[in-house]
């Protein structure tokens, strides 16, 4: 085409042929008259030339949305054009607004449909969970699945329950136990004469809080005598075993006036004293034995106690409070809050062969699980939980977990078959499998059974016997767990059959019985209820306790109930 010739129609873009007003009219006319098929199939470039486009459904949708987005602002001030109230422009914008509103309405409709479907399935799931909970009211898994409070809410609720129990039972502890004694006595009326009870294996206990400690040893240590400093004994403060020779009336660290003796344990002896620097406040002073191993153990306990106390400034988690420490005559001394007695002594004095009231056991359970929660927060394993290491106050309503001499960081767990006192030792320790917080949960389960029944759950005479008793309750240990044990060969053969080692009653020789299968024979609920005609509310709580114990005593620690699950269990959450 030569210069000066008029180009044929269609070869020049519309924007070159029309003025401002014409352009807007043209756009409106094109928008109203343009065929949807034509829009989808042909698109012109900036010079008005038609170019082919892919016509897939996805591309067509994308073009349609892009076209609407581009048209949205054309003819408006956003393009730098003058505002014009032209009627045709208004019609175009009205058409676009109507199309946009239709699309938004469709999107909103689909969104509401999706929400309705989600709510429908959510309601179905909740109904099924509630149904399973109704069919298994005592299952820890079902009870925790249906609850949704936060962990902090759960802890607050349990702590509030503990406080309420303390207020309501200041003077009822002994009365409740007497009521339990009477129930059991009624069932025994007319029965066979009472068999002589088994010898108390804790009578000669060397536990640090033993009530009936050997009086001859006390006299040898000078307990009960008025203290008079003997210059000839100034270099003889420690006996041959490394224990400090305690004297009533002496002053420790220029402030602690010793007035009583509590007992002696493996690591130390404990005295009662009054702090003259704190207006005679009563304290318990634990005096560590003076040898290298015991000093090292004492310093480790000091470290863990400080960590636990710092993590619980408000004293809500029931671990013993450490006031301070000092050295006296080369002995490390730890100063604690004073508490009345330990649960071993409580059982001996009030619940021998009978146990404690279910109300007390529930509150003690709550407090022990709170202590386990704090231990886990601080990455600490106690590794020696038992009634002897749990102290109570005068009213027997508040307990504190004590004696952290065996404690360790969870990452420093040494594989040894003799960790934890034997009756409370988890099976993974016995077979030499790596362990964690589950060993303390197992010990708590054994302790709670003992608190309610007054009897030791697993009174094994050896590690092998402990495994047999545990499997009598729960069945044979899973092969997968056995294979992971470093000491499995001591208790299982190559085919993973249990090798039960016992002494023949006739020949008094050791014999080994190969057991390929072990079926549960011990009935936990029957042992706990016995012949008692319990009131319905108490019977319900005992059944819940049995269910909780089933969770704490799983042989496989991976299947054992967690601390959070235990805190949400009906036995813990539901009041009597």
Protein backbone atom coordinates (compact mmCIF):
# COMPACT_ATOMS: atom_id res chain seq x y z
CA UNK A 1 0.00 0.00 0.00
CA UNK A 2 1.51 3.32 -1.11
CA UNK A 3 1.74 6.43 1.00
CA UNK A 4 -1.40 8.52 1.04
CA UNK A 5 -3.73 5.62 0.27
CA UNK A 6 -6.53 4.98 2.68
CA UNK A 7 -6.10 1.58 4.26
CA UNK A 8 -8.96 -0.86 3.81
CA UNK A 9 -11.31 -1.35 6.75
CA UNK A 10 -10.06 -3.80 9.31
CA UNK A 11 -6.36 -3.26 8.60
CA UNK A 12 -6.09 -0.35 11.03
CA UNK A 13 -6.80 -0.81 14.74
CA UNK A 14 -10.06 0.66 15.93
CA UNK A 15 -8.27 3.02 18.36
CA UNK A 16 -6.63 4.78 15.40
CA UNK A 17 -9.99 5.33 13.66
CA UNK A 18 -12.09 6.64 16.59
CA UNK A 19 -11.91 9.52 19.05
CA UNK A 20 -12.19 9.23 22.82
CA UNK A 21 -15.97 9.14 22.85
CA UNK A 22 -16.07 6.83 19.87
CA UNK A 23 -13.70 4.43 21.47
CA UNK A 24 -15.95 4.02 24.52
CA UNK A 25 -19.04 3.53 22.38
CA UNK A 26 -17.19 1.03 20.23
CA UNK A 27 -16.05 -0.93 23.29
CA UNK A 28 -19.58 -1.06 24.69
CA UNK A 29 -21.00 -2.18 21.33
CA UNK A 30 -18.34 -4.82 20.93
CA UNK A 31 -18.90 -6.09 24.47
CA UNK A 32 -22.66 -6.41 23.93
CA UNK A 33 -22.53 -7.84 20.42
CA UNK A 34 -19.44 -10.04 20.63
CA UNK A 35 -20.26 -13.73 20.45
CA UNK A 36 -18.89 -15.92 23.27
CA UNK A 37 -17.71 -18.39 20.64
CA UNK A 38 -15.94 -15.62 18.77
CA UNK A 39 -14.31 -14.32 21.96
CA UNK A 40 -12.99 -17.73 22.76
CA UNK A 41 -11.67 -18.56 19.31
CA UNK A 42 -10.15 -15.28 18.02
CA UNK A 43 -8.10 -12.59 19.69
CA UNK A 44 -6.49 -9.67 17.91
CA UNK A 45 -3.02 -8.37 18.58
CA UNK A 46 -2.10 -4.68 19.01
CA UNK A 47 -2.11 -4.18 15.21
CA UNK A 48 -5.56 -5.69 14.72
CA UNK A 49 -4.30 -8.97 13.25
CA UNK A 50 -6.12 -12.14 14.25
CA UNK A 51 -3.98 -14.83 15.86
CA UNK A 52 -4.86 -18.43 16.67
CA UNK A 53 -5.35 -19.47 20.30
CA UNK A 54 -5.48 -22.85 22.01
CA UNK A 55 -9.04 -23.66 22.86
CA UNK A 56 -8.66 -25.96 25.88
CA UNK A 57 -11.26 -25.52 28.58
CA UNK A 58 -8.64 -24.33 31.09
CA UNK A 59 -7.32 -21.70 28.67
CA UNK A 60 -10.83 -20.54 27.83
CA UNK A 61 -11.62 -20.06 31.52
CA UNK A 62 -8.34 -18.21 32.06
CA UNK A 63 -9.05 -15.88 29.09
CA UNK A 64 -12.57 -15.21 30.29
CA UNK A 65 -11.32 -14.18 33.75
CA UNK A 66 -8.50 -12.09 32.26
CA UNK A 67 -10.94 -10.33 29.91
CA UNK A 68 -13.22 -9.43 32.78
CA UNK A 69 -10.29 -8.18 34.87
CA UNK A 70 -8.98 -6.03 32.00
CA UNK A 71 -12.40 -4.61 31.20
CA UNK A 72 -13.09 -3.80 34.82
CA UNK A 73 -11.13 -0.58 34.84
CA UNK A 74 -11.37 0.52 31.18
CA UNK A 75 -13.04 3.86 30.73
CA UNK A 76 -12.39 4.77 34.32
CA UNK A 77 -10.08 7.29 35.99
CA UNK A 78 -7.54 4.55 36.67
CA UNK A 79 -6.44 4.76 33.01
CA UNK A 80 -5.95 8.52 33.19
CA UNK A 81 -9.04 9.25 31.14
CA UNK A 82 -11.53 11.98 31.87
CA UNK A 83 -14.61 11.05 33.86
CA UNK A 84 -17.58 10.89 31.54
CA UNK A 85 -21.20 10.24 32.44
CA UNK A 86 -21.96 8.87 29.01
CA UNK A 87 -24.99 6.60 29.11
CA UNK A 88 -23.45 3.89 26.93
CA UNK A 89 -20.44 3.69 29.27
CA UNK A 90 -22.75 3.27 32.24
CA UNK A 91 -24.54 0.44 30.47
CA UNK A 92 -21.24 -1.32 29.85
CA UNK A 93 -20.24 -1.04 33.51
CA UNK A 94 -23.66 -2.23 34.62
CA UNK A 95 -23.34 -5.26 32.37
CA UNK A 96 -19.91 -6.05 33.81
CA UNK A 97 -21.12 -5.58 37.41
CA UNK A 98 -23.98 -7.96 36.79
CA UNK A 99 -21.62 -10.59 35.36
CA UNK A 100 -19.21 -10.15 38.32
CA UNK A 101 -21.99 -10.41 40.85
CA UNK A 102 -23.26 -13.60 39.20
CA UNK A 103 -19.78 -15.14 39.39
CA UNK A 104 -19.26 -14.11 43.02
CA UNK A 105 -22.66 -15.52 43.90
CA UNK A 106 -21.69 -18.82 42.29
CA UNK A 107 -18.39 -18.92 44.17
CA UNK A 108 -20.14 -18.17 47.46
CA UNK A 109 -22.74 -20.86 46.78
CA UNK A 110 -20.05 -23.46 46.16
CA UNK A 111 -18.16 -22.39 49.29
CA UNK A 112 -21.32 -22.83 51.37
CA UNK A 113 -21.84 -26.29 49.88
CA UNK A 114 -18.30 -27.31 50.81
CA UNK A 115 -18.76 -26.03 54.38
CA UNK A 116 -22.01 -27.97 54.69
CA UNK A 117 -20.25 -31.18 53.62
CA UNK A 118 -17.38 -30.62 56.09
CA UNK A 119 -19.80 -29.93 58.96
CA UNK A 120 -21.79 -33.04 58.06
CA UNK A 121 -18.76 -35.34 58.23
CA UNK A 122 -17.44 -33.62 61.36
CA UNK A 123 -20.77 -34.27 63.10
CA UNK A 124 -20.68 -37.92 62.00
CA UNK A 125 -17.15 -38.36 63.42
CA UNK A 126 -18.11 -36.75 66.73
CA UNK A 127 -21.17 -39.00 67.00
CA UNK A 128 -19.05 -42.10 66.35
CA UNK A 129 -16.51 -41.00 68.98
CA UNK A 130 -19.25 -40.42 71.53
CA UNK A 131 -20.73 -43.81 70.68
CA UNK A 132 -17.41 -45.57 71.21
CA UNK A 133 -16.93 -43.71 74.47
CA UNK A 134 -20.37 -44.82 75.64
CA UNK A 135 -19.58 -48.43 74.79
CA UNK A 136 -16.17 -48.24 76.50
CA UNK A 137 -16.62 -45.71 79.31
CA UNK A 138 -13.31 -46.54 80.95
CA UNK A 139 -11.07 -46.60 77.90
CA UNK A 140 -8.28 -44.01 78.21
CA UNK A 141 -7.99 -43.80 74.43
CA UNK A 142 -11.69 -43.10 73.88
CA UNK A 143 -11.91 -40.64 76.76
CA UNK A 144 -8.95 -38.60 75.57
CA UNK A 145 -10.18 -38.63 71.95
CA UNK A 146 -13.49 -36.99 72.83
CA UNK A 147 -12.01 -34.24 74.99
CA UNK A 148 -10.62 -31.05 73.60
CA UNK A 149 -9.37 -28.90 76.52
CA UNK A 150 -5.84 -27.60 76.26
CA UNK A 151 -3.03 -29.20 78.32
CA UNK A 152 -2.89 -26.10 80.53
CA UNK A 153 -6.64 -26.32 81.19
CA UNK A 154 -6.25 -29.96 82.19
CA UNK A 155 -3.40 -29.15 84.58
CA UNK A 156 -5.38 -26.31 86.15
CA UNK A 157 -8.41 -28.54 86.62
CA UNK A 158 -6.35 -31.29 88.28
CA UNK A 159 -4.57 -28.77 90.53
CA UNK A 160 -7.94 -27.32 91.55
CA UNK A 161 -9.20 -30.83 92.41
CA UNK A 162 -6.15 -31.40 94.61
CA UNK A 163 -6.78 -28.15 96.49
CA UNK A 164 -10.44 -29.04 96.95
CA UNK A 165 -9.54 -32.48 98.30
CA UNK A 166 -7.10 -30.86 100.71
CA UNK A 167 -9.78 -28.48 102.04
CA UNK A 168 -12.48 -31.12 102.38
CA UNK A 169 -10.38 -33.93 103.89
CA UNK A 170 -8.14 -32.25 106.45
CA UNK A 171 -9.56 -34.42 109.25
CA UNK A 172 -11.11 -37.34 107.35
CA UNK A 173 -8.11 -39.43 106.28
CA UNK A 174 -8.22 -41.89 109.18
CA UNK A 175 -12.02 -42.04 109.24
CA UNK A 176 -12.15 -43.00 105.55
CA UNK A 177 -9.62 -45.78 106.05
CA UNK A 178 -11.55 -47.09 109.07
CA UNK A 179 -14.67 -47.24 106.91
CA UNK A 180 -12.76 -49.35 104.39
CA UNK A 181 -11.51 -51.61 107.18
CA UNK A 182 -15.10 -52.12 108.34
CA UNK A 183 -16.27 -53.06 104.84
CA UNK A 184 -13.56 -55.70 104.53
CA UNK A 185 -14.15 -56.98 108.09
CA UNK A 186 -17.85 -57.51 107.30
CA UNK A 187 -16.96 -59.71 104.35
CA UNK A 188 -14.61 -61.80 106.49
CA UNK A 189 -17.21 -62.53 109.17
CA UNK A 190 -17.90 -66.26 109.32
CA UNK A 191 -14.96 -67.01 107.03
CA UNK A 192 -11.97 -69.16 107.90
CA UNK A 193 -9.68 -67.91 110.66
CA UNK A 194 -7.30 -65.29 109.42
CA UNK A 195 -4.08 -66.70 108.06
CA UNK A 196 -0.89 -65.27 109.51
CA UNK A 197 0.18 -62.42 107.30
CA UNK A 198 3.31 -62.73 105.23
CA UNK A 199 6.42 -61.28 106.81
CA UNK A 200 6.79 -57.59 106.10
CA UNK A 201 9.74 -57.30 103.74
CA UNK A 202 10.13 -53.64 104.68
CA UNK A 203 10.41 -54.15 108.45
CA UNK A 204 14.18 -54.03 108.37
CA UNK A 205 14.24 -51.45 105.61
CA UNK A 206 17.21 -49.16 105.37
CA UNK A 207 15.08 -46.62 103.53
CA UNK A 208 15.95 -43.03 104.38
CA UNK A 209 12.53 -42.43 105.97
CA UNK A 210 12.03 -45.80 107.69
CA UNK A 211 9.99 -45.40 110.88
CA UNK A 212 11.34 -48.45 112.69
CA UNK A 213 15.02 -48.05 112.02
CA UNK A 214 17.34 -50.38 113.99
CA UNK A 215 17.46 -48.94 117.51
CA UNK A 216 20.90 -50.45 118.20
CA UNK A 217 22.33 -48.55 115.28
CA UNK A 218 20.68 -45.38 116.55
CA UNK A 219 22.22 -45.84 119.96
CA UNK A 220 25.61 -46.47 118.37
CA UNK A 221 25.20 -43.24 116.45
CA UNK A 222 24.46 -41.39 119.68
CA UNK A 223 20.84 -40.60 118.88
CA UNK A 224 18.72 -39.70 121.86
CA UNK A 225 21.62 -38.44 123.97
CA UNK A 226 22.01 -34.80 124.89
CA UNK A 227 24.77 -33.40 122.77
CA UNK A 228 27.96 -32.44 124.57
CA UNK A 229 30.92 -31.69 122.38
CA UNK A 230 33.77 -34.07 123.15
CA UNK A 231 37.16 -32.66 122.06
CA UNK A 232 38.46 -36.20 121.63
CA UNK A 233 35.84 -36.90 118.91
CA UNK A 234 36.36 -33.80 116.79
CA UNK A 235 38.05 -35.84 114.08
CA UNK A 236 35.58 -38.69 114.33
CA UNK A 237 32.36 -37.18 112.92
CA UNK A 238 31.95 -39.94 110.34
CA UNK A 239 31.45 -43.66 111.00
CA UNK A 240 33.14 -46.49 109.11
CA UNK A 241 30.42 -46.50 106.43
CA UNK A 242 30.69 -42.78 105.78
CA UNK A 243 27.52 -41.73 107.65
CA UNK A 244 27.58 -38.59 109.75
CA UNK A 245 27.29 -39.25 113.50
CA UNK A 246 24.19 -37.24 114.36
CA UNK A 247 23.77 -35.75 117.84
CA UNK A 248 20.54 -34.29 119.15
CA UNK A 249 21.04 -30.68 120.22
CA UNK A 250 23.98 -29.83 117.96
CA UNK A 251 23.91 -26.82 115.64
CA UNK A 252 24.56 -27.35 111.92
CA UNK A 253 25.93 -24.48 109.83
CA UNK A 254 25.49 -22.14 112.82
CA UNK A 255 21.70 -22.05 112.36
CA UNK A 256 20.04 -25.49 112.29
CA UNK A 257 19.23 -26.80 115.77
CA UNK A 258 18.88 -30.60 115.49
CA UNK A 259 15.94 -31.93 117.54
CA UNK A 260 15.03 -35.24 115.91
CA UNK A 261 16.22 -38.11 113.77
CA UNK A 262 14.18 -39.33 110.78
CA UNK A 263 16.14 -42.26 109.39
CA UNK A 264 18.98 -43.55 107.31
CA UNK A 265 19.09 -44.59 103.67
CA UNK A 266 21.63 -45.80 101.18
CA UNK A 267 22.94 -42.32 100.39
CA UNK A 268 22.43 -40.38 103.61
CA UNK A 269 20.79 -39.95 106.97
CA UNK A 270 18.10 -37.37 107.68
CA UNK A 271 17.53 -35.20 110.75
CA UNK A 272 14.85 -32.75 111.80
CA UNK A 273 15.96 -29.31 112.82
CA UNK A 274 14.75 -25.77 113.52
CA UNK A 275 16.18 -22.91 111.53
CA UNK A 276 17.18 -20.26 114.07
CA UNK A 277 17.75 -17.78 111.24
CA UNK A 278 14.08 -18.15 110.20
CA UNK A 279 12.30 -17.82 113.55
CA UNK A 280 12.59 -21.52 114.32
CA UNK A 281 11.10 -22.75 111.03
CA UNK A 282 11.17 -26.55 110.90
CA UNK A 283 13.26 -28.17 108.20
CA UNK A 284 14.58 -31.58 107.21
CA UNK A 285 18.36 -31.84 106.66
CA UNK A 286 19.66 -34.64 104.50
CA UNK A 287 23.33 -35.35 105.32
CA UNK A 288 25.06 -37.18 102.46
CA UNK A 289 27.55 -39.95 103.27
CA UNK A 290 31.16 -38.86 103.07
CA UNK A 291 32.65 -40.91 100.25
CA UNK A 292 33.39 -40.06 96.64
CA UNK A 293 30.49 -41.96 95.07
CA UNK A 294 27.88 -40.64 97.50
CA UNK A 295 29.14 -37.06 97.24
CA UNK A 296 28.88 -37.29 93.46
CA UNK A 297 25.34 -38.66 93.75
CA UNK A 298 24.41 -35.90 96.21
CA UNK A 299 25.65 -33.17 93.87
CA UNK A 300 23.65 -34.69 91.01
CA UNK A 301 20.52 -34.72 93.19
CA UNK A 302 21.20 -31.09 94.11
CA UNK A 303 21.41 -30.16 90.42
CA UNK A 304 18.11 -31.87 89.57
CA UNK A 305 16.29 -30.40 92.56
CA UNK A 306 17.36 -26.88 91.62
CA UNK A 307 16.20 -27.43 88.03
CA UNK A 308 12.81 -28.76 89.14
CA UNK A 309 12.26 -26.01 91.69
CA UNK A 310 13.21 -23.30 89.20
CA UNK A 311 10.75 -24.74 86.69
CA UNK A 312 7.96 -24.74 89.32
CA UNK A 313 8.22 -21.42 91.19
CA UNK A 314 4.60 -21.64 92.42
CA UNK A 315 5.03 -25.16 93.84
CA UNK A 316 2.17 -26.70 91.83
CA UNK A 317 3.79 -29.92 90.64
CA UNK A 318 4.47 -31.82 93.86
CA UNK A 319 8.22 -32.28 93.83
CA UNK A 320 10.04 -31.72 97.12
CA UNK A 321 11.25 -28.16 97.71
CA UNK A 322 14.95 -27.62 98.36
CA UNK A 323 15.67 -24.52 100.50
CA UNK A 324 19.46 -24.44 100.35
CA UNK A 325 22.58 -26.56 100.82
CA UNK A 326 25.83 -26.31 102.79
CA UNK A 327 28.82 -28.42 103.88
CA UNK A 328 29.30 -29.59 107.45
CA UNK A 329 32.36 -31.56 108.53
CA UNK A 330 33.01 -32.53 104.89
CA UNK A 331 29.43 -33.78 104.43
CA UNK A 332 27.15 -32.24 101.80
CA UNK A 333 23.89 -31.21 103.52
CA UNK A 334 20.59 -30.50 101.71
CA UNK A 335 17.89 -28.50 103.51
CA UNK A 336 14.30 -29.42 102.59
CA UNK A 337 10.78 -28.44 103.50
CA UNK A 338 9.58 -30.55 106.46
CA UNK A 339 7.00 -33.26 105.78
CA UNK A 340 5.36 -35.72 108.14
CA UNK A 341 5.98 -39.24 106.82
CA UNK A 342 6.31 -41.28 103.64
CA UNK A 343 3.61 -43.43 102.06
CA UNK A 344 5.32 -46.66 103.15
CA UNK A 345 4.83 -45.53 106.74
CA UNK A 346 1.26 -44.41 106.00
CA UNK A 347 0.43 -47.86 104.63
CA UNK A 348 1.99 -49.60 107.62
CA UNK A 349 0.21 -47.39 110.14
CA UNK A 350 -3.23 -47.07 108.55
CA UNK A 351 -3.68 -49.45 105.62
CA UNK A 352 -1.68 -52.61 106.24
CA UNK A 353 -3.04 -55.39 103.97
CA UNK A 354 -6.08 -53.19 103.31
CA UNK A 355 -4.86 -50.06 101.59
CA UNK A 356 -6.17 -46.52 101.54
CA UNK A 357 -9.57 -45.10 100.64
CA UNK A 358 -10.27 -44.59 96.94
CA UNK A 359 -10.65 -40.82 97.50
CA UNK A 360 -7.11 -40.59 98.85
CA UNK A 361 -5.75 -42.79 96.04
CA UNK A 362 -7.39 -40.58 93.43
CA UNK A 363 -5.88 -37.41 94.89
CA UNK A 364 -2.46 -39.04 95.24
CA UNK A 365 -2.73 -40.18 91.60
CA UNK A 366 -3.43 -36.64 90.45
CA UNK A 367 -0.45 -35.31 92.37
CA UNK A 368 1.91 -38.01 91.13
CA UNK A 369 0.95 -37.38 87.50
CA UNK A 370 1.56 -33.66 88.02
CA UNK A 371 5.02 -34.53 89.34
CA UNK A 372 5.66 -36.70 86.26
CA UNK A 373 4.58 -33.78 84.08
CA UNK A 374 7.20 -31.52 85.67
CA UNK A 375 9.87 -34.21 85.36
CA UNK A 376 9.18 -34.55 81.65
CA UNK A 377 9.25 -30.78 81.14
CA UNK A 378 12.72 -30.78 82.67
CA UNK A 379 13.84 -33.91 80.72
CA UNK A 380 14.45 -35.81 83.97
CA UNK A 381 13.80 -39.46 84.87
CA UNK A 382 13.27 -40.06 88.60
CA UNK A 383 14.07 -43.78 88.25
CA UNK A 384 13.09 -44.77 91.79
CA UNK A 385 9.41 -43.96 92.36
CA UNK A 386 7.90 -46.05 95.17
CA UNK A 387 5.88 -45.36 98.34
CA UNK A 388 9.11 -44.88 100.33
CA UNK A 389 10.08 -41.89 98.16
CA UNK A 390 6.76 -40.07 98.41
CA UNK A 391 6.26 -37.81 101.44
CA UNK A 392 2.95 -36.47 102.79
CA UNK A 393 1.99 -33.59 105.05
CA UNK A 394 0.39 -33.87 108.51
CA UNK A 395 -3.18 -34.17 107.19
CA UNK A 396 -2.09 -36.77 104.57
CA UNK A 397 -3.74 -34.70 101.82
CA UNK A 398 -0.67 -33.35 99.98
CA UNK A 399 2.26 -35.43 98.75
CA UNK A 400 5.70 -34.58 97.39
CA UNK A 401 7.96 -36.77 95.28
CA UNK A 402 11.41 -36.92 96.89
CA UNK A 403 14.83 -38.65 96.75
CA UNK A 404 16.30 -37.83 93.35
CA UNK A 405 19.54 -39.71 94.04
CA UNK A 406 18.86 -42.14 91.18
CA UNK A 407 17.56 -39.49 88.76
CA UNK A 408 19.14 -38.85 85.38
CA UNK A 409 18.72 -36.77 82.27
CA UNK A 410 16.55 -38.63 79.77
CA UNK A 411 19.39 -38.64 77.21
CA UNK A 412 21.89 -40.12 79.69
CA UNK A 413 20.00 -43.31 80.51
CA UNK A 414 22.51 -46.06 81.17
CA UNK A 415 21.41 -49.59 80.28
CA UNK A 416 21.51 -51.52 83.55
CA UNK A 417 19.13 -54.28 84.75
CA UNK A 418 19.13 -52.99 88.32
CA UNK A 419 17.84 -49.45 87.88
CA UNK A 420 14.77 -48.70 90.06
CA UNK A 421 13.82 -50.72 93.16
CA UNK A 422 12.96 -54.23 91.99
CA UNK A 423 9.20 -54.34 92.79
CA UNK A 424 8.69 -51.14 90.78
CA UNK A 425 11.10 -51.93 87.92
CA UNK A 426 9.70 -51.73 84.38
CA UNK A 427 10.20 -54.76 82.07
CA UNK A 428 12.23 -52.78 79.52
CA UNK A 429 14.86 -52.21 82.22
CA UNK A 430 15.00 -55.93 83.03
CA UNK A 431 15.63 -57.02 79.43
CA UNK A 432 18.09 -54.17 78.73
CA UNK A 433 16.01 -52.22 76.22
CA UNK A 434 16.52 -48.43 75.84
CA UNK A 435 14.06 -46.62 78.09
CA UNK A 436 12.58 -43.18 78.71
CA UNK A 437 9.76 -41.57 80.75
CA UNK A 438 7.75 -44.81 80.60
CA UNK A 439 9.78 -46.35 83.43
CA UNK A 440 8.41 -43.76 85.87
CA UNK A 441 4.85 -44.34 84.60
CA UNK A 442 5.26 -48.09 85.29
CA UNK A 443 6.51 -47.35 88.82
CA UNK A 444 3.54 -45.05 89.46
CA UNK A 445 1.16 -47.79 88.32
CA UNK A 446 2.72 -50.28 90.74
CA UNK A 447 2.58 -47.69 93.52
CA UNK A 448 -1.10 -46.81 92.96
CA UNK A 449 -2.13 -50.48 93.10
CA UNK A 450 -0.22 -50.83 96.36
CA UNK A 451 -1.79 -47.71 97.83
CA UNK A 452 -5.31 -48.99 97.18
CA UNK A 453 -4.82 -52.64 98.13
CA UNK A 454 -2.03 -52.44 100.70
CA UNK A 455 -0.26 -55.23 98.78
CA UNK A 456 2.75 -55.19 96.45
CA UNK A 457 1.69 -55.81 92.85
CA UNK A 458 4.84 -57.62 91.66
CA UNK A 459 6.79 -59.02 94.66
CA UNK A 460 9.40 -60.73 92.51
CA UNK A 461 12.42 -62.36 94.09
CA UNK A 462 14.56 -61.71 91.00
CA UNK A 463 14.43 -59.97 87.63
CA UNK A 464 13.36 -63.22 86.00
CA UNK A 465 10.57 -63.62 88.53
CA UNK A 466 9.52 -59.99 87.93
CA UNK A 467 9.07 -60.72 84.22
CA UNK A 468 6.99 -63.82 85.02
CA UNK A 469 4.67 -61.87 87.34
CA UNK A 470 4.26 -59.06 84.82
CA UNK A 471 3.41 -61.54 82.03
CA UNK A 472 0.95 -63.35 84.36
CA UNK A 473 -0.95 -60.06 84.32
CA UNK A 474 -0.50 -58.93 80.71
CA UNK A 475 0.44 -62.03 78.71
CA UNK A 476 3.72 -62.83 76.97
CA UNK A 477 6.01 -59.95 76.09
CA UNK A 478 5.90 -59.03 72.36
CA UNK A 479 8.73 -60.63 70.35
CA UNK A 480 9.51 -57.28 68.74
CA UNK A 481 10.26 -55.85 72.19
CA UNK A 482 12.27 -58.90 73.32
CA UNK A 483 14.62 -58.66 70.32
CA UNK A 484 15.66 -55.14 71.36
CA UNK A 485 16.85 -56.22 74.82
CA UNK A 486 20.58 -56.46 75.51
CA UNK A 487 19.90 -58.98 78.30
CA UNK A 488 17.24 -61.01 76.49
CA UNK A 489 19.42 -64.14 76.51
CA UNK A 490 19.18 -64.23 80.30
CA UNK A 491 15.41 -64.71 80.12
CA UNK A 492 14.52 -65.98 76.62
CA UNK A 493 15.90 -68.68 74.32
CA UNK A 494 16.73 -68.34 70.61
CA UNK A 495 13.08 -68.88 69.68
CA UNK A 496 12.09 -66.14 72.17
CA UNK A 497 10.46 -68.64 74.52
CA UNK A 498 10.51 -67.47 78.14
CA UNK A 499 12.98 -69.30 80.41
CA UNK A 500 11.31 -69.28 83.82
CA UNK A 501 13.93 -69.90 86.50
CA UNK A 502 12.60 -71.17 89.83
CA UNK A 503 13.69 -73.28 92.78
CA UNK A 504 12.11 -76.73 93.03
CA UNK A 505 10.21 -76.95 96.32
CA UNK A 506 11.18 -80.61 96.81
CA UNK A 507 14.79 -80.81 95.71
CA UNK A 508 15.49 -77.12 96.41
CA UNK A 509 17.45 -77.03 93.19
CA UNK A 510 17.14 -74.45 90.48
CA UNK A 511 15.11 -75.54 87.47
CA UNK A 512 14.29 -73.85 84.16
CA UNK A 513 10.86 -74.11 82.56
CA UNK A 514 10.56 -73.20 78.86
CA UNK A 515 7.32 -71.29 78.25
CA UNK A 516 6.39 -70.62 74.61
CA UNK A 517 3.09 -68.98 75.55
CA UNK A 518 1.99 -67.21 78.70
CA UNK A 519 -1.69 -66.44 79.14
CA UNK A 520 -2.84 -63.74 81.60
CA UNK A 521 -4.00 -65.37 84.84
CA UNK A 522 -4.02 -62.48 87.31
CA UNK A 523 -7.35 -60.64 87.65
CA UNK A 524 -6.53 -57.10 88.67
CA UNK A 525 -10.12 -56.05 89.37
CA UNK A 526 -10.82 -59.10 91.54
CA UNK A 527 -7.69 -58.37 93.55
CA UNK A 528 -8.73 -54.76 94.03
CA UNK A 529 -12.39 -55.27 94.94
CA UNK A 530 -12.24 -58.73 96.48
CA UNK A 531 -15.38 -59.41 98.48
CA UNK A 532 -16.05 -55.79 99.36
CA UNK A 533 -19.63 -54.60 98.95
CA UNK A 534 -18.64 -51.17 97.81
CA UNK A 535 -21.12 -48.32 97.35
CA UNK A 536 -21.85 -47.80 93.66
CA UNK A 537 -19.87 -44.53 93.39
CA UNK A 538 -16.78 -46.15 94.95
CA UNK A 539 -17.12 -49.27 92.82
CA UNK A 540 -17.21 -47.11 89.69
CA UNK A 541 -14.00 -45.33 90.73
CA UNK A 542 -12.26 -48.63 91.49
CA UNK A 543 -13.15 -49.90 88.00
CA UNK A 544 -11.79 -46.67 86.53
CA UNK A 545 -8.60 -47.11 88.56
CA UNK A 546 -8.26 -50.63 87.21
CA UNK A 547 -8.58 -49.29 83.66
CA UNK A 548 -5.97 -46.62 84.37
CA UNK A 549 -3.59 -49.26 85.77
CA UNK A 550 -4.07 -51.36 82.63
CA UNK A 551 -2.72 -48.39 80.68
CA UNK A 552 0.22 -47.69 82.98
CA UNK A 553 1.27 -51.37 83.06
CA UNK A 554 1.50 -52.12 79.34
CA UNK A 555 4.57 -54.30 78.80
CA UNK A 556 5.53 -52.41 75.64
CA UNK A 557 6.47 -48.86 76.69
CA UNK A 558 5.39 -47.57 73.25
CA UNK A 559 1.82 -48.60 74.10
CA UNK A 560 1.91 -47.42 77.71
CA UNK A 561 -0.39 -44.54 78.59
CA UNK A 562 1.22 -41.09 78.31
CA UNK A 563 1.22 -38.49 81.08
CA UNK A 564 -1.28 -36.29 79.23
CA UNK A 565 -3.58 -39.25 78.61
CA UNK A 566 -3.36 -40.21 82.27
CA UNK A 567 -4.29 -36.68 83.35
CA UNK A 568 -7.39 -36.87 81.13
CA UNK A 569 -8.46 -40.32 82.29
CA UNK A 570 -11.94 -40.53 83.89
CA UNK A 571 -10.42 -41.74 87.17
CA UNK A 572 -8.50 -38.47 87.37
CA UNK A 573 -11.10 -36.12 85.90
CA UNK A 574 -14.38 -37.39 87.38
CA UNK A 575 -15.04 -36.69 91.05
CA UNK A 576 -16.49 -39.23 93.44
